[in-house]
Amino acid sequence: MAETILLEIVTPLRKLLSREVDEVTAPGRDGDFGVLAGHTPFLTTLRPGEIVYRKGSETGVLAVSGGYAEVLPDKTTILVDAAETDSEISTEAARTELQKAEDALKALSQEDPAYAQTIDKVEYAQAKLRVKERK
């Protein structure tokens, strides 16, 4: 059995990452989950958050918007609307996004169709700031 898995992170605009890794942690809609080589196959939705991957002693992290993950024994594919690495994130821009999303959220009721999308915007901006703070 292989010791590593292929991790691919894809947005509509680009393939952000294609790399052999030892383990992956992702933000599932119902909670974070981890993947190692040989994992049981499954398909799940993702909430905005951070993808953390490790290869040996090296750890990588990036912020992702909501999307989907397909886990296979030897490969994990993450499909998201948006994803950013630490070097692509502007702290100032992420803080501005967070403030705008929080302000928009205050004007919405939980029954409003835009409420869930606005929560996702808040969570994605928060994830960007957490990724930036890690470095």
Protein backbone atom coordinates (compact mmCIF):
# COMPACT_ATOMS: atom_id res chain seq x y z
CA MET A 1 0.00 0.00 0.00
CA ALA A 2 1.23 3.49 -0.86
CA GLU A 3 2.49 5.65 1.98
CA THR A 4 1.35 8.93 0.38
CA ILE A 5 -1.69 10.29 -1.39
CA LEU A 6 -1.97 12.68 -4.28
CA LEU A 7 -3.65 15.93 -3.17
CA GLU A 8 -5.16 18.08 -5.90
CA ILE A 9 -6.85 21.40 -5.20
CA VAL A 10 -8.71 22.87 -8.15
CA THR A 11 -10.69 26.08 -8.69
CA PRO A 12 -12.60 27.05 -11.85
CA LEU A 13 -9.59 29.15 -12.87
CA ARG A 14 -6.61 26.95 -12.03
CA LYS A 15 -5.11 23.90 -10.44
CA LEU A 16 -3.64 25.37 -7.28
CA LEU A 17 -1.91 22.26 -6.01
CA SER A 18 -1.01 18.78 -7.20
CA ARG A 19 1.31 17.12 -4.73
CA GLU A 20 2.07 13.83 -2.99
CA VAL A 21 1.42 14.27 0.75
CA ASP A 22 1.36 12.12 3.88
CA GLU A 23 -1.90 13.53 5.25
CA VAL A 24 -4.62 16.11 4.62
CA THR A 25 -7.08 17.83 6.94
CA ALA A 26 -10.09 19.58 5.37
CA PRO A 27 -13.15 21.52 6.59
CA GLY A 28 -16.11 19.23 5.89
CA ARG A 29 -19.58 20.77 6.08
CA ASP A 30 -20.27 18.56 9.14
CA GLY A 31 -16.82 18.92 10.70
CA ASP A 32 -13.13 18.70 9.89
CA PHE A 33 -11.82 15.39 8.58
CA GLY A 34 -8.39 13.89 8.04
CA VAL A 35 -7.17 11.67 5.22
CA LEU A 36 -4.26 9.25 5.13
CA ALA A 37 -3.17 6.83 2.41
CA GLY A 38 -5.59 3.93 2.05
CA HIS A 39 -8.60 5.92 3.29
CA THR A 40 -12.07 4.58 2.56
CA PRO A 41 -13.55 6.38 -0.48
CA PHE A 42 -16.16 9.07 0.11
CA LEU A 43 -17.53 12.29 -1.34
CA THR A 44 -18.42 15.29 0.85
CA THR A 45 -19.20 18.97 0.77
CA LEU A 46 -16.78 21.50 2.24
CA ARG A 47 -17.39 24.68 4.18
CA PRO A 48 -15.02 27.66 3.95
CA GLY A 49 -11.90 27.03 6.01
CA GLU A 50 -8.34 25.82 5.86
CA ILE A 51 -6.80 22.85 4.09
CA VAL A 52 -3.73 21.63 5.98
CA TYR A 53 -1.40 19.08 4.40
CA ARG A 54 1.80 17.49 5.57
CA LYS A 55 4.68 15.81 3.78
CA GLY A 56 7.37 14.68 6.20
CA SER A 57 8.14 17.60 8.50
CA GLU A 58 6.85 20.17 5.99
CA THR A 59 3.32 21.54 6.51
CA GLY A 60 1.30 23.59 4.04
CA VAL A 61 -1.92 25.47 4.57
CA LEU A 62 -4.32 27.41 2.37
CA ALA A 63 -7.73 29.01 2.67
CA VAL A 64 -10.63 27.61 0.65
CA SER A 65 -14.19 28.64 0.00
CA GLY A 66 -16.91 26.01 0.11
CA GLY A 67 -16.84 23.18 -2.39
CA TYR A 68 -16.47 19.42 -2.62
CA ALA A 69 -13.91 16.77 -1.76
CA GLU A 70 -13.51 13.33 -3.29
CA VAL A 71 -11.42 11.00 -1.19
CA LEU A 72 -9.99 7.82 -2.69
CA PRO A 73 -7.40 5.46 -1.16
CA ASP A 74 -4.56 7.05 -3.17
CA LYS A 75 -5.91 10.50 -4.11
CA THR A 76 -7.90 13.39 -2.63
CA THR A 77 -9.39 15.96 -4.99
CA ILE A 78 -10.68 19.25 -3.59
CA LEU A 79 -12.93 21.31 -5.89
CA VAL A 80 -13.65 24.83 -4.62
CA ASP A 81 -14.82 28.15 -6.00
CA ALA A 82 -11.77 29.93 -4.56
CA ALA A 83 -8.54 29.08 -2.75
CA GLU A 84 -5.54 31.13 -1.70
CA THR A 85 -2.10 30.39 -0.33
CA ASP A 86 -0.43 32.49 2.34
CA SER A 87 1.56 34.42 -0.27
CA GLU A 88 -1.60 35.31 -2.21
CA ILE A 89 -3.53 36.64 0.78
CA SER A 90 -3.50 40.33 1.63
CA THR A 91 -4.23 40.82 5.33
CA GLU A 92 -5.72 44.25 4.66
CA ALA A 93 -7.98 42.94 1.87
CA ALA A 94 -9.11 39.98 4.01
CA ARG A 95 -9.96 42.30 6.92
CA THR A 96 -11.95 44.52 4.55
CA GLU A 97 -13.80 41.47 3.15
CA LEU A 98 -14.56 40.31 6.68
CA GLN A 99 -15.90 43.70 7.73
CA LYS A 100 -18.11 43.99 4.64
CA ALA A 101 -19.49 40.49 5.14
CA GLU A 102 -20.15 41.07 8.85
CA ASP A 103 -21.93 44.36 8.04
CA ALA A 104 -24.05 42.61 5.39
CA LEU A 105 -24.89 39.83 7.83
CA LYS A 106 -26.24 42.32 10.36
CA ALA A 107 -28.79 43.51 7.79
CA LEU A 108 -30.09 40.00 7.04
CA SER A 109 -32.49 37.72 8.87
CA GLN A 110 -31.74 34.01 9.11
CA GLU A 111 -34.69 33.34 6.79
CA ASP A 112 -33.19 35.49 4.02
CA PRO A 113 -31.84 33.36 1.13
CA ALA A 114 -28.59 35.40 1.16
CA TYR A 115 -27.92 34.66 4.83
CA ALA A 116 -26.08 31.34 4.29
CA GLN A 117 -23.95 32.77 1.47
CA THR A 118 -23.01 35.73 3.66
CA ILE A 119 -22.01 33.37 6.50
CA ASP A 120 -19.76 31.57 4.00
CA LYS A 121 -18.16 34.92 3.06
CA VAL A 122 -17.48 35.66 6.74
CA GLU A 123 -15.95 32.21 7.24
CA TYR A 124 -13.78 32.44 4.12
CA ALA A 125 -12.41 35.84 5.16
CA GLN A 126 -11.72 34.48 8.66
CA ALA A 127 -9.93 31.47 7.14
CA LYS A 128 -7.73 33.78 5.06
CA LEU A 129 -6.74 35.69 8.17
CA ARG A 130 -5.95 32.48 10.09
CA VAL A 131 -3.79 31.22 7.21
CA LYS A 132 -1.93 34.53 7.09
CA GLU A 133 -1.37 34.50 10.88
CA ARG A 134 0.20 31.01 10.73
CA LYS A 135 3.21 32.24 8.80
